[in-house]
Protein backbone atom coordinates (compact mmCIF):
# COMPACT_ATOMS: atom_id res chain seq x y z
CA UNK A 1 0.00 0.00 0.00
CA UNK A 2 1.21 3.44 -0.81
CA UNK A 3 1.09 6.24 1.72
CA UNK A 4 -1.85 7.83 -0.11
CA UNK A 5 -3.99 4.71 0.19
CA UNK A 6 -3.00 4.32 3.85
CA UNK A 7 -4.31 7.83 4.52
CA UNK A 8 -7.60 6.96 2.79
CA UNK A 9 -7.85 3.68 4.71
CA UNK A 10 -7.25 5.42 8.03
CA UNK A 11 -9.81 8.08 7.10
CA UNK A 12 -12.43 5.43 6.42
CA UNK A 13 -11.59 3.65 9.65
CA UNK A 14 -11.88 6.94 11.54
CA UNK A 15 -15.30 7.52 9.93
CA UNK A 16 -16.58 4.13 11.06
CA UNK A 17 -15.25 4.52 14.61
CA UNK A 18 -16.64 8.05 14.99
CA UNK A 19 -20.00 6.89 13.60
CA UNK A 20 -20.18 4.08 16.16
CA UNK A 21 -19.19 6.51 18.92
CA UNK A 22 -21.92 8.93 17.84
CA UNK A 23 -24.46 6.10 17.71
CA UNK A 24 -23.58 4.99 21.23
CA UNK A 25 -23.29 8.42 22.84
CA UNK A 26 -26.12 10.46 21.24
CA UNK A 27 -29.13 8.24 21.86
CA UNK A 28 -31.70 10.96 22.53
CA UNK A 29 -33.33 11.24 19.10
CA UNK A 30 -34.17 8.58 16.54
CA UNK A 31 -32.97 10.87 13.74
CA UNK A 32 -29.50 11.11 15.30
CA UNK A 33 -29.26 7.32 15.34
CA UNK A 34 -30.27 7.14 11.67
CA UNK A 35 -27.69 9.75 10.69
CA UNK A 36 -25.02 7.86 12.62
CA UNK A 37 -25.93 4.65 10.81
CA UNK A 38 -25.68 6.40 7.45
CA UNK A 39 -22.27 7.80 8.42
CA UNK A 40 -21.13 4.29 9.34
CA UNK A 41 -22.31 3.02 5.95
CA UNK A 42 -20.43 5.82 4.20
CA UNK A 43 -17.29 4.93 6.14
CA UNK A 44 -17.69 1.25 5.27
CA UNK A 45 -18.09 2.15 1.62
CA UNK A 46 -14.91 4.21 1.81
CA UNK A 47 -13.04 1.36 3.50
CA UNK A 48 -14.25 -1.22 1.00
CA UNK A 49 -13.37 0.95 -1.95
CA UNK A 50 -9.87 1.50 -0.56
CA UNK A 51 -9.33 -2.21 0.09
CA UNK A 52 -10.83 -3.46 -3.17
CA UNK A 53 -9.15 -0.84 -5.37
CA UNK A 54 -5.81 -2.59 -4.91
CA UNK A 55 -7.28 -6.01 -5.64
CA UNK A 56 -8.95 -5.05 -8.91
CA UNK A 57 -12.47 -6.17 -8.09
CA UNK A 58 -15.18 -5.03 -10.47
CA UNK A 59 -17.45 -2.21 -9.46
CA UNK A 60 -20.65 -4.30 -9.31
CA UNK A 61 -20.08 -4.92 -5.63
CA UNK A 62 -19.92 -1.19 -4.95
CA UNK A 63 -23.18 -0.58 -6.81
CA UNK A 64 -24.83 -3.39 -4.82
CA UNK A 65 -23.49 -1.98 -1.54
CA UNK A 66 -24.71 1.54 -2.35
CA UNK A 67 -28.12 0.13 -3.31
CA UNK A 68 -28.40 -1.61 0.06
CA UNK A 69 -27.30 1.58 1.84
CA UNK A 70 -29.96 3.60 0.01
CA UNK A 71 -32.64 1.02 0.89
CA UNK A 72 -31.53 1.14 4.52
CA UNK A 73 -31.82 4.91 4.52
CA UNK A 74 -35.28 4.86 2.94
CA UNK A 75 -36.48 2.26 5.44
CA UNK A 76 -35.11 4.30 8.33
CA UNK A 77 -36.82 7.47 7.15
CA UNK A 78 -40.14 5.66 6.70
CA UNK A 79 -39.84 4.30 10.24
CA UNK A 80 -39.06 7.81 11.47
CA UNK A 81 -42.19 9.21 9.79
CA UNK A 82 -44.28 6.38 11.25
CA UNK A 83 -42.92 6.96 14.76
CA UNK A 84 -43.48 10.71 14.59
CA UNK A 85 -47.06 10.18 13.40
CA UNK A 86 -47.90 7.71 16.16
CA UNK A 87 -45.93 9.15 19.10
CA UNK A 88 -45.64 12.83 18.15
CA UNK A 89 -41.86 12.98 18.58
CA UNK A 90 -38.71 10.97 17.93
CA UNK A 91 -37.34 10.66 21.46
CA UNK A 92 -36.11 7.21 22.41
CA UNK A 93 -37.42 7.55 25.95
CA UNK A 94 -41.01 7.94 24.70
CA UNK A 95 -40.97 4.44 23.14
CA UNK A 96 -42.39 1.58 25.14
CA UNK A 97 -42.20 -2.14 24.46
CA UNK A 98 -45.62 -2.69 26.01
CA UNK A 99 -47.28 -0.16 23.71
CA UNK A 100 -48.73 -1.43 20.42
């Protein structure tokens, strides 16, 4: 690996670690958790593109990964809209397991 690819690899790793730290520490709003998950997916995409660029893998895997990330984002936003319509807010402490 050249020094340029090492910098990109470390940047992607830093993105994933900071996304996990944000997911664990800022658990007040549902929207913050969704944004943290999207940041983790972006960091994973960056890491995978850095690792697979040296191997010479075709780009079909990247398109598939981005498609799954977009579906995950759309599903998260639809859940957010559903929660806001039923509960009136997106606070985690207002959710209850016993509530239908």
